[in-house]
Amino acid sequence: MESKLYVGNLSYDTTEQGLRELFMQAGNVISVAVIKEPGTNRSKGFGFVEMGSQSEAQKAVGMFNGYVLNERQLTVNVARPREERGGFRPQRGGHRQNRGGGKRRY
């Protein structure tokens, strides 16, 4: 088990410091990140907490999955690696279709 946890269903008012203080009840907290919208700096409602060890991470999952914080029931589980986001999706036939659009100008 990894020691990095996903924490979902956070209130938009939840701060990194508040999350750190909560998870310190389960053990040593290495890092906390509340994910925010670029530009507005508003919370997206989820974050990540890295615990000091796998056993502390397991303890935190047991303590805080379903825990109510700021009137929201938290979802806490082991963080999965971020998936690659591809910008290109092949259309029928697996190739791009030329849709025209005029002459190229150099």
N, C-alpha and C. Protein backbone atom coordinates (compact mmCIF):
# COMPACT_ATOMS: atom_id res chain seq x y z
N MET A 1 0.84 -1.19 0.00
CA MET A 1 0.00 0.00 0.00
C MET A 1 0.87 1.24 0.00
N GLU A 2 0.48 2.21 -0.79
CA GLU A 2 1.20 3.47 -0.83
C GLU A 2 0.83 4.34 0.36
N SER A 3 1.62 5.36 0.62
CA SER A 3 1.34 6.25 1.75
C SER A 3 0.66 7.55 1.32
N LYS A 4 0.40 7.70 0.01
CA LYS A 4 -0.29 8.90 -0.47
C LYS A 4 -1.78 8.61 -0.61
N LEU A 5 -2.59 9.48 -0.03
CA LEU A 5 -4.03 9.27 0.01
C LEU A 5 -4.78 10.32 -0.79
N TYR A 6 -5.85 9.89 -1.43
CA TYR A 6 -6.80 10.79 -2.08
C TYR A 6 -7.87 11.13 -1.05
N VAL A 7 -8.20 12.40 -0.94
CA VAL A 7 -9.27 12.83 -0.03
C VAL A 7 -10.29 13.58 -0.87
N GLY A 8 -11.48 13.01 -1.00
CA GLY A 8 -12.52 13.59 -1.84
C GLY A 8 -13.71 14.10 -1.04
N ASN A 9 -14.55 14.87 -1.72
CA ASN A 9 -15.76 15.47 -1.16
C ASN A 9 -15.45 16.49 -0.07
N LEU A 10 -14.36 17.23 -0.29
CA LEU A 10 -13.99 18.28 0.65
C LEU A 10 -14.90 19.49 0.48
N SER A 11 -15.19 20.15 1.58
CA SER A 11 -15.88 21.43 1.54
C SER A 11 -14.95 22.43 0.86
N TYR A 12 -15.51 23.38 0.15
CA TYR A 12 -14.68 24.40 -0.50
C TYR A 12 -13.95 25.27 0.52
N ASP A 13 -14.38 25.22 1.77
CA ASP A 13 -13.75 26.01 2.83
C ASP A 13 -12.59 25.27 3.49
N THR A 14 -12.38 24.01 3.17
CA THR A 14 -11.31 23.23 3.81
C THR A 14 -9.95 23.76 3.37
N THR A 15 -9.08 23.99 4.34
CA THR A 15 -7.73 24.47 4.06
C THR A 15 -6.73 23.33 4.20
N GLU A 16 -5.54 23.54 3.63
CA GLU A 16 -4.49 22.55 3.76
C GLU A 16 -4.10 22.38 5.23
N GLN A 17 -4.07 23.48 5.98
CA GLN A 17 -3.72 23.40 7.40
C GLN A 17 -4.76 22.60 8.17
N GLY A 18 -6.03 22.82 7.89
CA GLY A 18 -7.09 22.07 8.55
C GLY A 18 -7.01 20.58 8.25
N LEU A 19 -6.72 20.25 6.99
CA LEU A 19 -6.59 18.85 6.59
C LEU A 19 -5.37 18.22 7.27
N ARG A 20 -4.27 18.97 7.34
CA ARG A 20 -3.06 18.48 8.00
C ARG A 20 -3.34 18.16 9.47
N GLU A 21 -4.02 19.07 10.15
CA GLU A 21 -4.31 18.87 11.57
C GLU A 21 -5.20 17.65 11.79
N LEU A 22 -6.17 17.44 10.90
CA LEU A 22 -7.04 16.28 11.01
C LEU A 22 -6.24 15.00 10.84
N PHE A 23 -5.45 14.90 9.78
CA PHE A 23 -4.74 13.66 9.47
C PHE A 23 -3.57 13.40 10.42
N MET A 24 -3.10 14.41 11.13
CA MET A 24 -2.05 14.19 12.13
C MET A 24 -2.54 13.27 13.25
N GLN A 25 -3.85 13.15 13.41
CA GLN A 25 -4.41 12.23 14.41
C GLN A 25 -4.08 10.77 14.06
N ALA A 26 -3.79 10.50 12.79
CA ALA A 26 -3.47 9.14 12.34
C ALA A 26 -1.97 8.89 12.28
N GLY A 27 -1.16 9.95 12.39
CA GLY A 27 0.29 9.77 12.33
C GLY A 27 0.98 10.95 11.69
N ASN A 28 2.22 10.71 11.26
CA ASN A 28 3.06 11.75 10.67
C ASN A 28 2.57 12.12 9.27
N VAL A 29 2.33 13.40 9.06
CA VAL A 29 1.88 13.89 7.76
C VAL A 29 3.07 14.52 7.03
N ILE A 30 3.41 13.98 5.87
CA ILE A 30 4.53 14.49 5.07
C ILE A 30 4.12 15.71 4.26
N SER A 31 2.99 15.61 3.57
CA SER A 31 2.54 16.74 2.75
C SER A 31 1.02 16.72 2.60
N VAL A 32 0.47 17.90 2.32
CA VAL A 32 -0.97 18.07 2.09
C VAL A 32 -1.14 19.00 0.91
N ALA A 33 -2.03 18.65 0.00
CA ALA A 33 -2.33 19.53 -1.13
C ALA A 33 -3.84 19.50 -1.38
N VAL A 34 -4.47 20.67 -1.28
CA VAL A 34 -5.86 20.83 -1.69
C VAL A 34 -5.80 21.34 -3.12
N ILE A 35 -6.40 20.63 -4.05
CA ILE A 35 -6.32 20.99 -5.47
C ILE A 35 -7.27 22.14 -5.76
N LYS A 36 -6.73 23.16 -6.46
CA LYS A 36 -7.49 24.38 -6.71
C LYS A 36 -7.61 24.69 -8.19
N GLU A 37 -8.67 25.41 -8.54
CA GLU A 37 -8.90 25.85 -9.91
C GLU A 37 -7.84 26.87 -10.30
N PRO A 38 -7.22 26.71 -11.46
CA PRO A 38 -6.27 27.73 -11.90
C PRO A 38 -6.99 29.06 -12.13
N GLY A 39 -6.37 30.13 -11.74
CA GLY A 39 -6.97 31.45 -11.94
C GLY A 39 -7.83 31.92 -10.80
N THR A 40 -8.79 31.09 -10.37
CA THR A 40 -9.71 31.52 -9.31
C THR A 40 -9.20 31.13 -7.93
N ASN A 41 -8.31 30.13 -7.87
CA ASN A 41 -7.76 29.64 -6.61
C ASN A 41 -8.84 29.04 -5.71
N ARG A 42 -9.97 28.64 -6.29
CA ARG A 42 -11.06 28.01 -5.55
C ARG A 42 -10.83 26.50 -5.52
N SER A 43 -11.08 25.89 -4.37
CA SER A 43 -10.89 24.46 -4.21
C SER A 43 -11.75 23.68 -5.21
N LYS A 44 -11.19 22.58 -5.73
CA LYS A 44 -11.95 21.69 -6.60
C LYS A 44 -12.70 20.65 -5.79
N GLY A 45 -12.52 20.65 -4.47
CA GLY A 45 -13.25 19.72 -3.62
C GLY A 45 -12.53 18.41 -3.35
N PHE A 46 -11.25 18.34 -3.70
CA PHE A 46 -10.47 17.15 -3.37
C PHE A 46 -9.02 17.53 -3.14
N GLY A 47 -8.28 16.59 -2.57
CA GLY A 47 -6.88 16.85 -2.30
C GLY A 47 -6.13 15.55 -2.05
N PHE A 48 -4.87 15.71 -1.63
CA PHE A 48 -4.01 14.57 -1.37
C PHE A 48 -3.26 14.79 -0.07
N VAL A 49 -3.12 13.70 0.69
CA VAL A 49 -2.36 13.73 1.94
C VAL A 49 -1.35 12.60 1.86
N GLU A 50 -0.09 12.93 2.09
CA GLU A 50 0.95 11.90 2.13
C GLU A 50 1.32 11.65 3.58
N MET A 51 1.14 10.41 4.00
CA MET A 51 1.44 10.01 5.36
C MET A 51 2.89 9.50 5.45
N GLY A 52 3.40 9.41 6.67
CA GLY A 52 4.79 9.02 6.89
C GLY A 52 5.09 7.57 6.58
N SER A 53 4.10 6.70 6.66
CA SER A 53 4.30 5.28 6.38
C SER A 53 3.01 4.66 5.86
N GLN A 54 3.15 3.45 5.33
CA GLN A 54 1.98 2.74 4.82
C GLN A 54 1.01 2.41 5.96
N SER A 55 1.54 2.07 7.12
CA SER A 55 0.65 1.72 8.24
C SER A 55 -0.12 2.95 8.71
N GLU A 56 0.52 4.12 8.70
CA GLU A 56 -0.18 5.35 9.07
C GLU A 56 -1.24 5.70 8.03
N ALA A 57 -0.92 5.44 6.76
CA ALA A 57 -1.89 5.70 5.69
C ALA A 57 -3.11 4.80 5.86
N GLN A 58 -2.87 3.52 6.16
CA GLN A 58 -3.98 2.58 6.37
C GLN A 58 -4.83 3.00 7.56
N LYS A 59 -4.17 3.46 8.61
CA LYS A 59 -4.88 3.94 9.79
C LYS A 59 -5.76 5.14 9.44
N ALA A 60 -5.21 6.07 8.63
CA ALA A 60 -5.95 7.26 8.22
C ALA A 60 -7.17 6.90 7.38
N VAL A 61 -7.03 5.92 6.48
CA VAL A 61 -8.18 5.48 5.67
C VAL A 61 -9.26 4.96 6.60
N GLY A 62 -8.87 4.13 7.58
CA GLY A 62 -9.83 3.58 8.52
C GLY A 62 -10.52 4.65 9.37
N MET A 63 -9.75 5.67 9.74
CA MET A 63 -10.30 6.72 10.60
C MET A 63 -11.17 7.72 9.85
N PHE A 64 -10.77 8.06 8.62
CA PHE A 64 -11.38 9.22 7.97
C PHE A 64 -12.23 8.93 6.74
N ASN A 65 -12.23 7.70 6.21
CA ASN A 65 -13.14 7.40 5.11
C ASN A 65 -14.55 7.37 5.69
N GLY A 66 -15.41 8.26 5.24
CA GLY A 66 -16.76 8.40 5.78
C GLY A 66 -16.88 9.42 6.91
N TYR A 67 -15.75 9.98 7.33
CA TYR A 67 -15.71 10.98 8.39
C TYR A 67 -16.38 12.27 7.90
N VAL A 68 -17.14 12.94 8.76
CA VAL A 68 -17.82 14.18 8.36
C VAL A 68 -16.96 15.36 8.80
N LEU A 69 -16.55 16.16 7.82
CA LEU A 69 -15.75 17.37 8.05
C LEU A 69 -16.44 18.53 7.34
N ASN A 70 -16.73 19.58 8.08
CA ASN A 70 -17.42 20.75 7.51
C ASN A 70 -18.71 20.34 6.79
N GLU A 71 -19.47 19.44 7.43
CA GLU A 71 -20.76 18.97 6.93
C GLU A 71 -20.67 18.18 5.62
N ARG A 72 -19.48 17.64 5.32
CA ARG A 72 -19.30 16.81 4.12
C ARG A 72 -18.69 15.47 4.54
N GLN A 73 -19.21 14.38 3.99
CA GLN A 73 -18.68 13.05 4.30
C GLN A 73 -17.50 12.77 3.38
N LEU A 74 -16.31 12.64 3.97
CA LEU A 74 -15.08 12.47 3.20
C LEU A 74 -14.98 11.08 2.56
N THR A 75 -14.34 11.05 1.41
CA THR A 75 -13.93 9.82 0.76
C THR A 75 -12.42 9.78 0.86
N VAL A 76 -11.88 8.77 1.52
CA VAL A 76 -10.43 8.66 1.69
C VAL A 76 -10.00 7.28 1.23
N ASN A 77 -9.08 7.24 0.28
CA ASN A 77 -8.52 5.97 -0.16
C ASN A 77 -7.12 6.19 -0.72
N VAL A 78 -6.44 5.10 -1.03
CA VAL A 78 -5.09 5.19 -1.56
C VAL A 78 -5.14 5.87 -2.92
N ALA A 79 -4.26 6.85 -3.11
CA ALA A 79 -4.22 7.59 -4.37
C ALA A 79 -3.69 6.70 -5.48
N ARG A 80 -4.34 6.76 -6.63
CA ARG A 80 -3.88 6.03 -7.81
C ARG A 80 -2.98 6.94 -8.61
N PRO A 81 -2.05 6.36 -9.37
CA PRO A 81 -1.20 7.19 -10.22
C PRO A 81 -2.04 7.95 -11.24
N ARG A 82 -1.62 9.16 -11.55
CA ARG A 82 -2.35 9.99 -12.51
C ARG A 82 -2.28 9.35 -13.89
N GLU A 83 -3.42 9.27 -14.55
CA GLU A 83 -3.47 8.69 -15.88
C GLU A 83 -3.08 9.72 -16.91
N GLU A 84 -2.46 9.23 -17.99
CA GLU A 84 -2.10 10.10 -19.10
C GLU A 84 -3.36 10.61 -19.77
N ARG A 85 -3.35 11.88 -20.09
CA ARG A 85 -4.49 12.46 -20.80
C ARG A 85 -4.06 12.76 -22.22
N GLY A 86 -4.57 11.99 -23.16
CA GLY A 86 -4.22 12.22 -24.55
C GLY A 86 -5.18 13.23 -25.18
N GLY A 87 -4.64 14.17 -25.93
CA GLY A 87 -5.47 15.18 -26.58
C GLY A 87 -6.04 14.71 -27.90
N PHE A 88 -5.43 13.69 -28.50
CA PHE A 88 -5.88 13.22 -29.82
C PHE A 88 -6.65 11.92 -29.66
N ARG A 89 -7.84 11.90 -30.21
CA ARG A 89 -8.64 10.68 -30.23
C ARG A 89 -8.90 10.33 -31.68
N PRO A 90 -8.46 9.17 -32.10
CA PRO A 90 -8.66 8.80 -33.50
C PRO A 90 -10.15 8.69 -33.85
N GLN A 91 -10.46 9.14 -35.05
CA GLN A 91 -11.83 9.02 -35.53
C GLN A 91 -11.96 7.71 -36.27
N ARG A 92 -13.09 7.50 -36.90
CA ARG A 92 -13.30 6.24 -37.62
C ARG A 92 -12.11 5.91 -38.49
N GLY A 93 -11.72 4.65 -38.45
CA GLY A 93 -10.62 4.21 -39.29
C GLY A 93 -9.26 4.47 -38.65
N GLY A 94 -9.22 5.12 -37.51
CA GLY A 94 -7.95 5.32 -36.82
C GLY A 94 -7.08 6.42 -37.41
N HIS A 95 -7.64 7.28 -38.28
CA HIS A 95 -6.84 8.37 -38.82
C HIS A 95 -7.67 9.64 -38.85
N ARG A 96 -6.97 10.75 -38.91
CA ARG A 96 -7.66 12.03 -38.96
C ARG A 96 -8.27 12.25 -40.34
N GLN A 97 -9.40 12.87 -40.35
CA GLN A 97 -10.03 13.17 -41.63
C GLN A 97 -9.77 14.64 -41.94
N ASN A 98 -9.40 14.89 -43.19
CA ASN A 98 -9.19 16.26 -43.61
C ASN A 98 -10.55 16.88 -43.90
N ARG A 99 -10.85 17.93 -43.17
CA ARG A 99 -12.15 18.57 -43.34
C ARG A 99 -12.05 19.84 -44.19
N GLY A 100 -10.96 20.00 -44.88
CA GLY A 100 -10.82 21.17 -45.73
C GLY A 100 -10.54 22.41 -44.92
N GLY A 101 -11.01 23.53 -45.38
CA GLY A 101 -10.82 24.74 -44.61
C GLY A 101 -10.03 25.80 -45.35
N GLY A 102 -9.76 25.57 -46.62
CA GLY A 102 -9.08 26.62 -47.39
C GLY A 102 -7.64 26.31 -47.70
N LYS A 103 -7.01 27.29 -48.35
CA LYS A 103 -5.62 27.11 -48.76
C LYS A 103 -4.69 27.54 -47.62
N ARG A 104 -3.56 26.90 -47.58
CA ARG A 104 -2.54 27.31 -46.61
C ARG A 104 -1.83 28.53 -47.12
N ARG A 105 -1.53 29.41 -46.22
CA ARG A 105 -0.74 30.59 -46.59
C ARG A 105 0.59 30.52 -45.88
N TYR A 106 1.65 30.78 -46.59
CA TYR A 106 3.00 30.70 -46.01
C TYR A 106 3.55 32.04 -45.77
